[in-house]
Amino acid sequence: MKFSIIRMCGGKALIASSSEQLNIDLKHASDILAHEGFKINRNDDGLMLIMNWKEMEVTLYPQGKVMFFPLTEKEMAIEYASMIINKVK
């Protein structure tokens, strides 16, 4: 899967945006990722899923975008986003 990377928050956060248009069920994703060790903070009515993982705040959006804060390494953002998306799509 291909991703484009967007820097946010003065370069301290990265958003990996899937090149595929996805429609991820965030309730289902929440269940899967909680089982995988993600600490679920909020699931805002299908708009976004906010979690903690590997000392980062991770936000998953239904369209296939994943934001990592703090993270500055593009390759890691792509690796992590690929892993997350493949588990929940």
N, C-alpha and C. Protein backbone atom coordinates (compact mmCIF):
# COMPACT_ATOMS: atom_id res chain seq x y z
N MET A 1 0.85 -1.16 0.00
CA MET A 1 0.00 0.00 0.00
C MET A 1 0.90 1.24 0.00
N LYS A 2 0.53 2.23 -0.78
CA LYS A 2 1.30 3.47 -0.85
C LYS A 2 0.69 4.51 0.07
N PHE A 3 1.56 5.34 0.64
CA PHE A 3 1.15 6.42 1.51
C PHE A 3 1.84 7.71 1.10
N SER A 4 1.14 8.82 1.26
CA SER A 4 1.80 10.12 1.20
C SER A 4 1.94 10.60 2.63
N ILE A 5 2.99 11.38 2.89
CA ILE A 5 3.29 11.84 4.24
C ILE A 5 3.09 13.34 4.33
N ILE A 6 2.44 13.77 5.39
CA ILE A 6 2.21 15.19 5.67
C ILE A 6 2.79 15.49 7.04
N ARG A 7 3.62 16.52 7.13
CA ARG A 7 4.17 16.93 8.43
C ARG A 7 3.19 17.90 9.10
N MET A 8 3.02 17.73 10.41
CA MET A 8 2.11 18.57 11.19
C MET A 8 2.82 19.04 12.46
N CYS A 9 2.24 19.98 13.15
CA CYS A 9 2.69 20.41 14.47
C CYS A 9 4.17 20.79 14.47
N GLY A 10 4.58 21.61 13.54
CA GLY A 10 5.97 22.04 13.48
C GLY A 10 6.93 20.90 13.19
N GLY A 11 6.47 19.85 12.53
CA GLY A 11 7.32 18.73 12.18
C GLY A 11 7.38 17.64 13.23
N LYS A 12 6.63 17.80 14.33
CA LYS A 12 6.67 16.81 15.42
C LYS A 12 5.67 15.68 15.22
N ALA A 13 4.78 15.83 14.26
CA ALA A 13 3.78 14.80 13.98
C ALA A 13 3.78 14.53 12.48
N LEU A 14 3.44 13.30 12.13
CA LEU A 14 3.33 12.91 10.73
C LEU A 14 1.98 12.25 10.50
N ILE A 15 1.38 12.58 9.34
CA ILE A 15 0.17 11.89 8.91
C ILE A 15 0.54 11.05 7.69
N ALA A 16 0.26 9.76 7.78
CA ALA A 16 0.42 8.87 6.64
C ALA A 16 -0.97 8.70 6.03
N SER A 17 -1.11 9.12 4.79
CA SER A 17 -2.40 9.09 4.11
C SER A 17 -2.37 8.03 3.01
N SER A 18 -3.24 7.04 3.13
CA SER A 18 -3.29 5.94 2.17
C SER A 18 -3.68 6.45 0.79
N SER A 19 -3.03 5.90 -0.22
CA SER A 19 -3.39 6.25 -1.60
C SER A 19 -4.72 5.62 -2.00
N GLU A 20 -5.12 4.56 -1.29
CA GLU A 20 -6.42 3.91 -1.53
C GLU A 20 -7.49 4.64 -0.73
N GLN A 21 -8.65 4.82 -1.31
CA GLN A 21 -9.78 5.38 -0.58
C GLN A 21 -10.39 4.26 0.26
N LEU A 22 -10.32 4.39 1.56
CA LEU A 22 -10.82 3.36 2.47
C LEU A 22 -12.04 3.86 3.22
N ASN A 23 -12.75 2.94 3.82
CA ASN A 23 -13.88 3.28 4.68
C ASN A 23 -13.79 2.35 5.89
N ILE A 24 -12.91 2.68 6.82
CA ILE A 24 -12.62 1.83 7.96
C ILE A 24 -13.70 1.99 9.02
N ASP A 25 -14.20 0.88 9.50
CA ASP A 25 -15.16 0.86 10.61
C ASP A 25 -14.35 1.05 11.89
N LEU A 26 -14.44 2.22 12.49
CA LEU A 26 -13.59 2.54 13.64
C LEU A 26 -13.97 1.75 14.89
N LYS A 27 -15.21 1.34 15.03
CA LYS A 27 -15.60 0.50 16.17
C LYS A 27 -14.91 -0.86 16.07
N HIS A 28 -14.97 -1.43 14.89
CA HIS A 28 -14.30 -2.71 14.64
C HIS A 28 -12.78 -2.56 14.80
N ALA A 29 -12.23 -1.47 14.26
CA ALA A 29 -10.79 -1.20 14.39
C ALA A 29 -10.39 -1.05 15.86
N SER A 30 -11.23 -0.40 16.64
CA SER A 30 -10.97 -0.22 18.07
C SER A 30 -10.84 -1.56 18.77
N ASP A 31 -11.74 -2.47 18.47
CA ASP A 31 -11.71 -3.81 19.07
C ASP A 31 -10.43 -4.56 18.69
N ILE A 32 -10.09 -4.52 17.41
CA ILE A 32 -8.90 -5.22 16.93
C ILE A 32 -7.63 -4.63 17.54
N LEU A 33 -7.51 -3.32 17.50
CA LEU A 33 -6.28 -2.68 17.98
C LEU A 33 -6.14 -2.77 19.50
N ALA A 34 -7.23 -2.75 20.23
CA ALA A 34 -7.16 -2.93 21.68
C ALA A 34 -6.60 -4.32 21.99
N HIS A 35 -7.03 -5.30 21.23
CA HIS A 35 -6.53 -6.67 21.39
C HIS A 35 -5.04 -6.76 21.06
N GLU A 36 -4.55 -5.88 20.17
CA GLU A 36 -3.15 -5.86 19.75
C GLU A 36 -2.27 -5.02 20.68
N GLY A 37 -2.83 -4.46 21.74
CA GLY A 37 -2.02 -3.72 22.71
C GLY A 37 -2.10 -2.21 22.63
N PHE A 38 -2.93 -1.68 21.75
CA PHE A 38 -3.13 -0.23 21.69
C PHE A 38 -4.05 0.16 22.85
N LYS A 39 -3.74 1.28 23.50
CA LYS A 39 -4.60 1.79 24.57
C LYS A 39 -5.57 2.79 23.93
N ILE A 40 -6.82 2.42 23.87
CA ILE A 40 -7.83 3.26 23.22
C ILE A 40 -8.22 4.40 24.15
N ASN A 41 -8.09 5.63 23.65
CA ASN A 41 -8.46 6.82 24.43
C ASN A 41 -9.86 7.29 24.10
N ARG A 42 -10.14 7.43 22.78
CA ARG A 42 -11.45 7.93 22.36
C ARG A 42 -11.80 7.36 21.00
N ASN A 43 -13.07 7.08 20.83
CA ASN A 43 -13.62 6.70 19.54
C ASN A 43 -14.77 7.67 19.28
N ASP A 44 -14.48 8.74 18.57
CA ASP A 44 -15.43 9.84 18.40
C ASP A 44 -16.44 9.59 17.28
N ASP A 45 -17.45 8.80 17.58
CA ASP A 45 -18.61 8.63 16.68
C ASP A 45 -18.23 8.40 15.22
N GLY A 46 -17.22 7.60 14.97
CA GLY A 46 -16.86 7.29 13.60
C GLY A 46 -16.02 8.33 12.91
N LEU A 47 -15.66 9.42 13.59
CA LEU A 47 -14.85 10.47 12.97
C LEU A 47 -13.36 10.18 13.09
N MET A 48 -12.94 9.67 14.25
CA MET A 48 -11.55 9.35 14.49
C MET A 48 -11.43 8.43 15.69
N LEU A 49 -10.34 7.68 15.71
CA LEU A 49 -10.04 6.78 16.81
C LEU A 49 -8.68 7.23 17.36
N ILE A 50 -8.64 7.62 18.63
CA ILE A 50 -7.41 8.12 19.25
C ILE A 50 -6.91 7.09 20.24
N MET A 51 -5.60 6.75 20.09
CA MET A 51 -5.01 5.69 20.89
C MET A 51 -3.60 6.08 21.33
N ASN A 52 -3.08 5.35 22.30
CA ASN A 52 -1.68 5.45 22.66
C ASN A 52 -1.01 4.13 22.31
N TRP A 53 0.20 4.25 21.75
CA TRP A 53 0.96 3.08 21.32
C TRP A 53 2.41 3.49 21.15
N LYS A 54 3.33 2.71 21.69
CA LYS A 54 4.76 2.98 21.55
C LYS A 54 5.12 4.42 21.93
N GLU A 55 4.58 4.89 23.02
CA GLU A 55 4.85 6.25 23.54
C GLU A 55 4.43 7.35 22.56
N MET A 56 3.44 7.06 21.70
CA MET A 56 2.91 8.05 20.77
C MET A 56 1.40 8.10 20.90
N GLU A 57 0.84 9.24 20.54
CA GLU A 57 -0.60 9.32 20.33
C GLU A 57 -0.83 9.02 18.86
N VAL A 58 -1.71 8.07 18.59
CA VAL A 58 -2.00 7.64 17.23
C VAL A 58 -3.48 7.92 16.97
N THR A 59 -3.75 8.61 15.86
CA THR A 59 -5.13 8.89 15.48
C THR A 59 -5.40 8.24 14.14
N LEU A 60 -6.44 7.41 14.11
CA LEU A 60 -6.84 6.71 12.90
C LEU A 60 -8.14 7.33 12.39
N TYR A 61 -8.17 7.62 11.09
CA TYR A 61 -9.36 8.20 10.45
C TYR A 61 -9.95 7.17 9.49
N PRO A 62 -11.27 7.18 9.29
CA PRO A 62 -11.90 6.17 8.44
C PRO A 62 -11.39 6.15 7.00
N GLN A 63 -10.91 7.27 6.51
CA GLN A 63 -10.43 7.35 5.12
C GLN A 63 -9.08 6.68 4.91
N GLY A 64 -8.45 6.18 5.98
CA GLY A 64 -7.16 5.53 5.84
C GLY A 64 -5.98 6.40 6.18
N LYS A 65 -6.23 7.50 6.89
CA LYS A 65 -5.15 8.36 7.37
C LYS A 65 -4.80 7.96 8.79
N VAL A 66 -3.50 8.01 9.10
CA VAL A 66 -3.04 7.70 10.45
C VAL A 66 -2.05 8.78 10.86
N MET A 67 -2.33 9.45 11.98
CA MET A 67 -1.42 10.49 12.49
C MET A 67 -0.67 9.95 13.69
N PHE A 68 0.63 10.24 13.73
CA PHE A 68 1.50 9.81 14.82
C PHE A 68 2.13 11.04 15.46
N PHE A 69 2.01 11.16 16.78
CA PHE A 69 2.62 12.28 17.51
C PHE A 69 3.22 11.77 18.81
N PRO A 70 4.45 12.01 19.10
CA PRO A 70 5.46 12.61 18.23
C PRO A 70 6.12 11.54 17.37
N LEU A 71 6.39 11.89 16.14
CA LEU A 71 7.14 11.04 15.22
C LEU A 71 7.66 11.93 14.11
N THR A 72 8.93 11.78 13.77
CA THR A 72 9.54 12.62 12.72
C THR A 72 10.12 11.80 11.57
N GLU A 73 10.17 10.48 11.71
CA GLU A 73 10.77 9.64 10.68
C GLU A 73 9.71 9.11 9.72
N LYS A 74 9.78 9.56 8.47
CA LYS A 74 8.78 9.18 7.46
C LYS A 74 8.68 7.68 7.27
N GLU A 75 9.82 7.00 7.23
CA GLU A 75 9.81 5.55 6.99
C GLU A 75 9.06 4.82 8.09
N MET A 76 9.24 5.26 9.33
CA MET A 76 8.53 4.63 10.44
C MET A 76 7.04 4.89 10.35
N ALA A 77 6.65 6.10 9.95
CA ALA A 77 5.23 6.42 9.80
C ALA A 77 4.59 5.50 8.76
N ILE A 78 5.29 5.27 7.66
CA ILE A 78 4.75 4.39 6.61
C ILE A 78 4.67 2.95 7.11
N GLU A 79 5.72 2.50 7.79
CA GLU A 79 5.73 1.14 8.33
C GLU A 79 4.59 0.93 9.33
N TYR A 80 4.45 1.86 10.28
CA TYR A 80 3.41 1.75 11.30
C TYR A 80 2.02 1.85 10.70
N ALA A 81 1.82 2.80 9.78
CA ALA A 81 0.50 2.97 9.17
C ALA A 81 0.12 1.74 8.37
N SER A 82 1.07 1.17 7.62
CA SER A 82 0.79 -0.05 6.86
C SER A 82 0.34 -1.18 7.78
N MET A 83 1.04 -1.33 8.88
CA MET A 83 0.70 -2.39 9.83
C MET A 83 -0.71 -2.18 10.39
N ILE A 84 -1.00 -0.95 10.80
CA ILE A 84 -2.31 -0.64 11.39
C ILE A 84 -3.43 -0.85 10.37
N ILE A 85 -3.27 -0.27 9.19
CA ILE A 85 -4.31 -0.37 8.15
C ILE A 85 -4.55 -1.83 7.76
N ASN A 86 -3.47 -2.61 7.61
CA ASN A 86 -3.63 -4.01 7.23
C ASN A 86 -4.37 -4.82 8.29
N LYS A 87 -4.26 -4.44 9.54
CA LYS A 87 -4.97 -5.14 10.62
C LYS A 87 -6.47 -4.81 10.61
N VAL A 88 -6.84 -3.61 10.20
CA VAL A 88 -8.23 -3.16 10.40
C VAL A 88 -9.06 -3.05 9.13
N LYS A 89 -8.46 -3.15 7.96
CA LYS A 89 -9.27 -2.96 6.73
C LYS A 89 -9.97 -4.23 6.32
